[in-house]
Amino acid sequence: MANILLIDDDEMVQSVTCELLTLLGYDVLTADDGKQALAKAEENTAIIDLVLLDLSLPDMSGFDLLPLLRKILRAQAKIVLCSGSMCDQYENVELKSKELDAVLQKPFELAVLKETIENALSS
């Protein structure tokens, strides 16, 4: 099964999402902010298959963190942008121009999380 780096600064969201991902059979690493995410990505480059990246982090935005993660991670690692406050400009974001594999609106149901991850990993 795939290894996922979950980056979210909301403790409750991170905890629940981590439980859901584990329930789906994924191995999960977590990070609370951009700095911690970069450290986890560098330490685990060889095993990270997918990143669930929150748009709003305390030290930088998900869009600021995205190119830094792309430099560290293997080319085949997938990145899914997540946000609970996504406005119209992010709903129709050009995924390829942002080097994203999917966008996931919070809150999400287990079935939507599963489908989004499966689609991203198979693309």
N, C-alpha and C. Protein backbone atom coordinates (compact mmCIF):
# COMPACT_ATOMS: atom_id res chain seq x y z
N MET A 1 0.84 -1.18 0.00
CA MET A 1 0.00 0.00 0.00
C MET A 1 0.88 1.24 0.00
N ALA A 2 0.32 2.35 -0.37
CA ALA A 2 1.07 3.60 -0.54
C ALA A 2 1.37 4.28 0.80
N ASN A 3 2.40 5.10 0.76
CA ASN A 3 2.80 5.92 1.90
C ASN A 3 2.37 7.36 1.63
N ILE A 4 1.69 7.96 2.60
CA ILE A 4 1.14 9.31 2.42
C ILE A 4 1.72 10.26 3.45
N LEU A 5 2.14 11.44 2.99
CA LEU A 5 2.54 12.52 3.87
C LEU A 5 1.34 13.46 3.98
N LEU A 6 0.78 13.56 5.18
CA LEU A 6 -0.38 14.40 5.46
C LEU A 6 0.11 15.68 6.12
N ILE A 7 -0.12 16.82 5.46
CA ILE A 7 0.33 18.11 5.98
C ILE A 7 -0.90 18.95 6.30
N ASP A 8 -1.16 19.14 7.60
CA ASP A 8 -2.31 19.94 8.04
C ASP A 8 -2.03 20.47 9.44
N ASP A 9 -2.27 21.75 9.65
CA ASP A 9 -1.98 22.36 10.94
C ASP A 9 -3.13 22.23 11.94
N ASP A 10 -4.31 21.83 11.49
CA ASP A 10 -5.45 21.64 12.38
C ASP A 10 -5.35 20.26 13.01
N GLU A 11 -5.12 20.24 14.33
CA GLU A 11 -4.89 18.99 15.05
C GLU A 11 -6.02 17.98 14.85
N MET A 12 -7.25 18.46 14.94
CA MET A 12 -8.41 17.57 14.82
C MET A 12 -8.51 17.01 13.39
N VAL A 13 -8.37 17.87 12.41
CA VAL A 13 -8.44 17.43 11.01
C VAL A 13 -7.33 16.43 10.73
N GLN A 14 -6.13 16.73 11.20
CA GLN A 14 -5.00 15.84 10.97
C GLN A 14 -5.25 14.47 11.61
N SER A 15 -5.73 14.47 12.84
CA SER A 15 -5.98 13.23 13.57
C SER A 15 -7.05 12.37 12.88
N VAL A 16 -8.16 12.99 12.52
CA VAL A 16 -9.25 12.25 11.87
C VAL A 16 -8.83 11.75 10.49
N THR A 17 -8.17 12.61 9.72
CA THR A 17 -7.73 12.20 8.39
C THR A 17 -6.71 11.08 8.48
N CYS A 18 -5.82 11.16 9.43
CA CYS A 18 -4.82 10.10 9.63
C CYS A 18 -5.52 8.77 9.94
N GLU A 19 -6.53 8.82 10.80
CA GLU A 19 -7.29 7.60 11.12
C GLU A 19 -7.98 7.03 9.88
N LEU A 20 -8.58 7.91 9.08
CA LEU A 20 -9.26 7.46 7.86
C LEU A 20 -8.27 6.82 6.88
N LEU A 21 -7.13 7.47 6.71
CA LEU A 21 -6.11 6.93 5.79
C LEU A 21 -5.60 5.57 6.27
N THR A 22 -5.40 5.44 7.57
CA THR A 22 -4.97 4.17 8.14
C THR A 22 -6.03 3.11 7.93
N LEU A 23 -7.29 3.49 8.13
CA LEU A 23 -8.42 2.58 7.89
C LEU A 23 -8.44 2.09 6.44
N LEU A 24 -8.06 2.98 5.51
CA LEU A 24 -8.01 2.62 4.09
C LEU A 24 -6.77 1.79 3.74
N GLY A 25 -5.87 1.61 4.71
CA GLY A 25 -4.71 0.76 4.49
C GLY A 25 -3.42 1.49 4.15
N TYR A 26 -3.41 2.81 4.26
CA TYR A 26 -2.22 3.58 3.93
C TYR A 26 -1.33 3.76 5.16
N ASP A 27 -0.03 3.88 4.93
CA ASP A 27 0.91 4.27 5.97
C ASP A 27 1.00 5.78 5.91
N VAL A 28 0.92 6.45 7.08
CA VAL A 28 0.82 7.90 7.11
C VAL A 28 1.93 8.53 7.94
N LEU A 29 2.54 9.56 7.34
CA LEU A 29 3.45 10.45 8.05
C LEU A 29 2.70 11.77 8.17
N THR A 30 2.90 12.51 9.27
CA THR A 30 2.19 13.77 9.43
C THR A 30 3.15 14.93 9.66
N ALA A 31 2.70 16.11 9.27
CA ALA A 31 3.44 17.35 9.49
C ALA A 31 2.44 18.45 9.78
N ASP A 32 2.83 19.37 10.70
CA ASP A 32 1.94 20.45 11.13
C ASP A 32 2.13 21.75 10.38
N ASP A 33 3.27 21.91 9.71
CA ASP A 33 3.56 23.16 9.00
C ASP A 33 4.54 22.89 7.86
N GLY A 34 4.87 23.93 7.12
CA GLY A 34 5.74 23.78 5.97
C GLY A 34 7.14 23.30 6.33
N LYS A 35 7.72 23.86 7.36
CA LYS A 35 9.07 23.48 7.78
C LYS A 35 9.14 22.00 8.14
N GLN A 36 8.17 21.56 8.94
CA GLN A 36 8.12 20.15 9.34
C GLN A 36 7.86 19.25 8.12
N ALA A 37 7.02 19.71 7.20
CA ALA A 37 6.72 18.94 5.99
C ALA A 37 7.98 18.74 5.14
N LEU A 38 8.77 19.80 4.99
CA LEU A 38 10.00 19.69 4.21
C LEU A 38 10.98 18.71 4.86
N ALA A 39 11.08 18.76 6.18
CA ALA A 39 11.97 17.83 6.89
C ALA A 39 11.50 16.39 6.71
N LYS A 40 10.20 16.15 6.84
CA LYS A 40 9.66 14.79 6.66
C LYS A 40 9.86 14.31 5.22
N ALA A 41 9.67 15.22 4.26
CA ALA A 41 9.85 14.85 2.86
C ALA A 41 11.31 14.48 2.59
N GLU A 42 12.25 15.25 3.12
CA GLU A 42 13.67 14.95 2.92
C GLU A 42 14.06 13.63 3.57
N GLU A 43 13.54 13.36 4.77
CA GLU A 43 13.86 12.12 5.49
C GLU A 43 13.24 10.89 4.84
N ASN A 44 12.15 11.06 4.11
CA ASN A 44 11.38 9.93 3.59
C ASN A 44 11.15 9.98 2.09
N THR A 45 12.03 10.65 1.37
CA THR A 45 11.87 10.83 -0.08
C THR A 45 11.59 9.52 -0.81
N ALA A 46 12.30 8.48 -0.45
CA ALA A 46 12.21 7.21 -1.17
C ALA A 46 10.87 6.50 -0.98
N ILE A 47 10.14 6.84 0.07
CA ILE A 47 8.91 6.07 0.34
C ILE A 47 7.61 6.85 0.15
N ILE A 48 7.66 8.17 0.04
CA ILE A 48 6.42 8.95 -0.07
C ILE A 48 5.84 8.81 -1.48
N ASP A 49 4.60 8.33 -1.52
CA ASP A 49 3.91 8.14 -2.80
C ASP A 49 2.93 9.27 -3.09
N LEU A 50 2.40 9.88 -2.03
CA LEU A 50 1.38 10.91 -2.19
C LEU A 50 1.43 11.87 -1.02
N VAL A 51 1.17 13.14 -1.31
CA VAL A 51 1.10 14.18 -0.28
C VAL A 51 -0.30 14.77 -0.27
N LEU A 52 -0.91 14.84 0.91
CA LEU A 52 -2.15 15.58 1.10
C LEU A 52 -1.73 16.91 1.73
N LEU A 53 -1.82 17.98 0.97
CA LEU A 53 -1.26 19.27 1.33
C LEU A 53 -2.36 20.29 1.61
N ASP A 54 -2.43 20.75 2.86
CA ASP A 54 -3.39 21.78 3.23
C ASP A 54 -2.99 23.10 2.58
N LEU A 55 -3.95 23.85 2.12
CA LEU A 55 -3.67 25.13 1.47
C LEU A 55 -3.17 26.18 2.45
N SER A 56 -3.74 26.18 3.66
CA SER A 56 -3.39 27.20 4.66
C SER A 56 -2.58 26.59 5.79
N LEU A 57 -1.32 26.98 5.86
CA LEU A 57 -0.43 26.53 6.92
C LEU A 57 0.07 27.75 7.67
N PRO A 58 0.52 27.60 8.93
CA PRO A 58 0.93 28.76 9.71
C PRO A 58 2.16 29.49 9.19
N ASP A 59 3.07 28.78 8.53
CA ASP A 59 4.32 29.42 8.10
C ASP A 59 4.41 29.68 6.60
N MET A 60 3.54 29.09 5.81
CA MET A 60 3.52 29.33 4.36
C MET A 60 2.26 28.73 3.77
N SER A 61 1.91 29.16 2.57
CA SER A 61 0.73 28.59 1.93
C SER A 61 1.09 27.27 1.25
N GLY A 62 0.08 26.48 0.98
CA GLY A 62 0.31 25.24 0.25
C GLY A 62 0.92 25.48 -1.11
N PHE A 63 0.54 26.59 -1.74
CA PHE A 63 1.10 26.91 -3.05
C PHE A 63 2.58 27.29 -2.94
N ASP A 64 3.00 27.89 -1.82
CA ASP A 64 4.41 28.20 -1.61
C ASP A 64 5.22 26.93 -1.33
N LEU A 65 4.60 26.01 -0.61
CA LEU A 65 5.26 24.76 -0.24
C LEU A 65 5.36 23.78 -1.42
N LEU A 66 4.40 23.84 -2.30
CA LEU A 66 4.32 22.90 -3.43
C LEU A 66 5.61 22.77 -4.24
N PRO A 67 6.20 23.85 -4.75
CA PRO A 67 7.42 23.69 -5.55
C PRO A 67 8.60 23.17 -4.74
N LEU A 68 8.63 23.47 -3.45
CA LEU A 68 9.70 22.97 -2.58
C LEU A 68 9.58 21.46 -2.41
N LEU A 69 8.35 20.99 -2.25
CA LEU A 69 8.13 19.54 -2.15
C LEU A 69 8.48 18.84 -3.46
N ARG A 70 8.11 19.47 -4.58
CA ARG A 70 8.40 18.89 -5.89
C ARG A 70 9.91 18.71 -6.09
N LYS A 71 10.71 19.65 -5.56
CA LYS A 71 12.17 19.54 -5.70
C LYS A 71 12.73 18.38 -4.89
N ILE A 72 12.08 18.08 -3.77
CA ILE A 72 12.57 17.04 -2.86
C ILE A 72 12.08 15.65 -3.26
N LEU A 73 10.80 15.55 -3.58
CA LEU A 73 10.19 14.23 -3.81
C LEU A 73 10.47 13.68 -5.20
N ARG A 74 10.35 12.38 -5.28
CA ARG A 74 10.49 11.70 -6.56
C ARG A 74 9.45 12.24 -7.53
N ALA A 75 9.76 12.21 -8.80
CA ALA A 75 8.87 12.74 -9.83
C ALA A 75 7.49 12.08 -9.81
N GLN A 76 7.44 10.80 -9.47
CA GLN A 76 6.16 10.09 -9.50
C GLN A 76 5.31 10.31 -8.26
N ALA A 77 5.81 11.01 -7.24
CA ALA A 77 5.01 11.30 -6.06
C ALA A 77 3.87 12.24 -6.45
N LYS A 78 2.69 11.94 -5.98
CA LYS A 78 1.49 12.72 -6.30
C LYS A 78 1.22 13.73 -5.20
N ILE A 79 0.65 14.88 -5.57
CA ILE A 79 0.31 15.90 -4.58
C ILE A 79 -1.15 16.31 -4.77
N VAL A 80 -1.90 16.23 -3.66
CA VAL A 80 -3.31 16.60 -3.64
C VAL A 80 -3.46 17.79 -2.70
N LEU A 81 -3.98 18.90 -3.21
CA LEU A 81 -4.19 20.10 -2.42
C LEU A 81 -5.54 20.00 -1.72
N CYS A 82 -5.56 20.27 -0.41
CA CYS A 82 -6.79 20.21 0.38
C CYS A 82 -7.05 21.55 1.03
N SER A 83 -8.33 21.95 1.09
CA SER A 83 -8.66 23.18 1.79
C SER A 83 -10.11 23.19 2.22
N GLY A 84 -10.34 23.77 3.38
CA GLY A 84 -11.70 23.94 3.88
C GLY A 84 -12.24 25.31 3.52
N SER A 85 -11.37 26.18 3.06
CA SER A 85 -11.80 27.54 2.73
C SER A 85 -11.50 27.87 1.28
N MET A 86 -11.64 26.86 0.44
CA MET A 86 -11.30 27.05 -0.96
C MET A 86 -12.32 27.95 -1.63
N CYS A 87 -11.85 29.00 -2.21
CA CYS A 87 -12.75 29.89 -2.94
C CYS A 87 -12.74 29.50 -4.42
N ASP A 88 -13.56 30.16 -5.20
CA ASP A 88 -13.73 29.81 -6.62
C ASP A 88 -12.41 29.74 -7.39
N GLN A 89 -11.47 30.60 -7.06
CA GLN A 89 -10.23 30.61 -7.82
C GLN A 89 -9.43 29.32 -7.67
N TYR A 90 -9.63 28.59 -6.58
CA TYR A 90 -8.89 27.35 -6.39
C TYR A 90 -9.68 26.13 -6.85
N GLU A 91 -11.00 26.24 -6.93
CA GLU A 91 -11.81 25.10 -7.35
C GLU A 91 -11.51 24.69 -8.78
N ASN A 92 -11.21 25.64 -9.64
CA ASN A 92 -10.94 25.34 -11.04
C ASN A 92 -9.48 25.56 -11.40
N VAL A 93 -8.60 25.39 -10.41
CA VAL A 93 -7.18 25.63 -10.61
C VAL A 93 -6.63 24.68 -11.69
N GLU A 94 -5.74 25.18 -12.51
CA GLU A 94 -5.11 24.35 -13.52
C GLU A 94 -4.15 23.40 -12.81
N LEU A 95 -4.54 22.15 -12.69
CA LEU A 95 -3.75 21.19 -11.92
C LEU A 95 -2.34 21.04 -12.46
N LYS A 96 -2.20 20.88 -13.76
CA LYS A 96 -0.88 20.64 -14.33
C LYS A 96 0.02 21.87 -14.20
N SER A 97 -0.54 23.06 -14.36
CA SER A 97 0.29 24.26 -14.25
C SER A 97 0.77 24.46 -12.82
N LYS A 98 0.02 23.98 -11.86
CA LYS A 98 0.42 24.07 -10.45
C LYS A 98 1.15 22.80 -10.00
N GLU A 99 1.32 21.85 -10.91
CA GLU A 99 1.95 20.56 -10.60
C GLU A 99 1.18 19.81 -9.52
N LEU A 100 -0.14 19.91 -9.58
CA LEU A 100 -1.02 19.19 -8.66
C LEU A 100 -1.65 18.01 -9.38
N ASP A 101 -1.98 16.99 -8.61
CA ASP A 101 -2.63 15.83 -9.19
C ASP A 101 -4.13 15.82 -8.90
N ALA A 102 -4.54 16.58 -7.87
CA ALA A 102 -5.96 16.68 -7.55
C ALA A 102 -6.16 17.81 -6.54
N VAL A 103 -7.41 18.24 -6.41
CA VAL A 103 -7.81 19.20 -5.40
C VAL A 103 -8.95 18.56 -4.62
N LEU A 104 -8.87 18.64 -3.29
CA LEU A 104 -9.87 18.01 -2.43
C LEU A 104 -10.45 19.06 -1.49
N GLN A 105 -11.75 19.27 -1.58
CA GLN A 105 -12.44 20.26 -0.74
C GLN A 105 -12.77 19.63 0.62
N LYS A 106 -12.38 20.31 1.70
CA LYS A 106 -12.75 19.87 3.05
C LYS A 106 -14.06 20.54 3.44
N PRO A 107 -14.90 19.93 4.22
CA PRO A 107 -14.76 18.57 4.72
C PRO A 107 -15.10 17.56 3.62
N PHE A 108 -14.49 16.40 3.71
CA PHE A 108 -14.72 15.37 2.70
C PHE A 108 -15.18 14.09 3.38
N GLU A 109 -15.91 13.29 2.62
CA GLU A 109 -16.36 11.99 3.11
C GLU A 109 -15.30 10.95 2.80
N LEU A 110 -15.34 9.85 3.51
CA LEU A 110 -14.36 8.77 3.33
C LEU A 110 -14.33 8.30 1.88
N ALA A 111 -15.48 8.14 1.26
CA ALA A 111 -15.54 7.66 -0.13
C ALA A 111 -14.85 8.63 -1.09
N VAL A 112 -15.02 9.93 -0.85
CA VAL A 112 -14.39 10.95 -1.71
C VAL A 112 -12.88 10.95 -1.50
N LEU A 113 -12.45 10.84 -0.25
CA LEU A 113 -11.01 10.76 0.06
C LEU A 113 -10.40 9.55 -0.64
N LYS A 114 -11.04 8.41 -0.51
CA LYS A 114 -10.55 7.17 -1.12
C LYS A 114 -10.45 7.32 -2.64
N GLU A 115 -11.51 7.81 -3.25
CA GLU A 115 -11.54 7.94 -4.71
C GLU A 115 -10.47 8.93 -5.20
N THR A 116 -10.33 10.03 -4.51
CA THR A 116 -9.33 11.05 -4.90
C THR A 116 -7.92 10.47 -4.83
N ILE A 117 -7.61 9.78 -3.76
CA ILE A 117 -6.27 9.19 -3.61
C ILE A 117 -6.04 8.11 -4.66
N GLU A 118 -7.01 7.23 -4.85
CA GLU A 118 -6.86 6.17 -5.84
C GLU A 118 -6.65 6.74 -7.24
N ASN A 119 -7.44 7.75 -7.59
CA ASN A 119 -7.30 8.38 -8.92
C ASN A 119 -5.94 9.06 -9.08
N ALA A 120 -5.50 9.75 -8.05
CA ALA A 120 -4.19 10.43 -8.12
C ALA A 120 -3.06 9.42 -8.25
N LEU A 121 -3.11 8.36 -7.46
CA LEU A 121 -2.04 7.35 -7.51
C LEU A 121 -2.01 6.60 -8.83
N SER A 122 -3.15 6.46 -9.48
CA SER A 122 -3.19 5.72 -10.75
C SER A 122 -2.93 6.60 -11.97
N SER A 123 -2.86 7.91 -11.76
CA SER A 123 -2.65 8.81 -12.91
C SER A 123 -1.19 8.91 -13.31
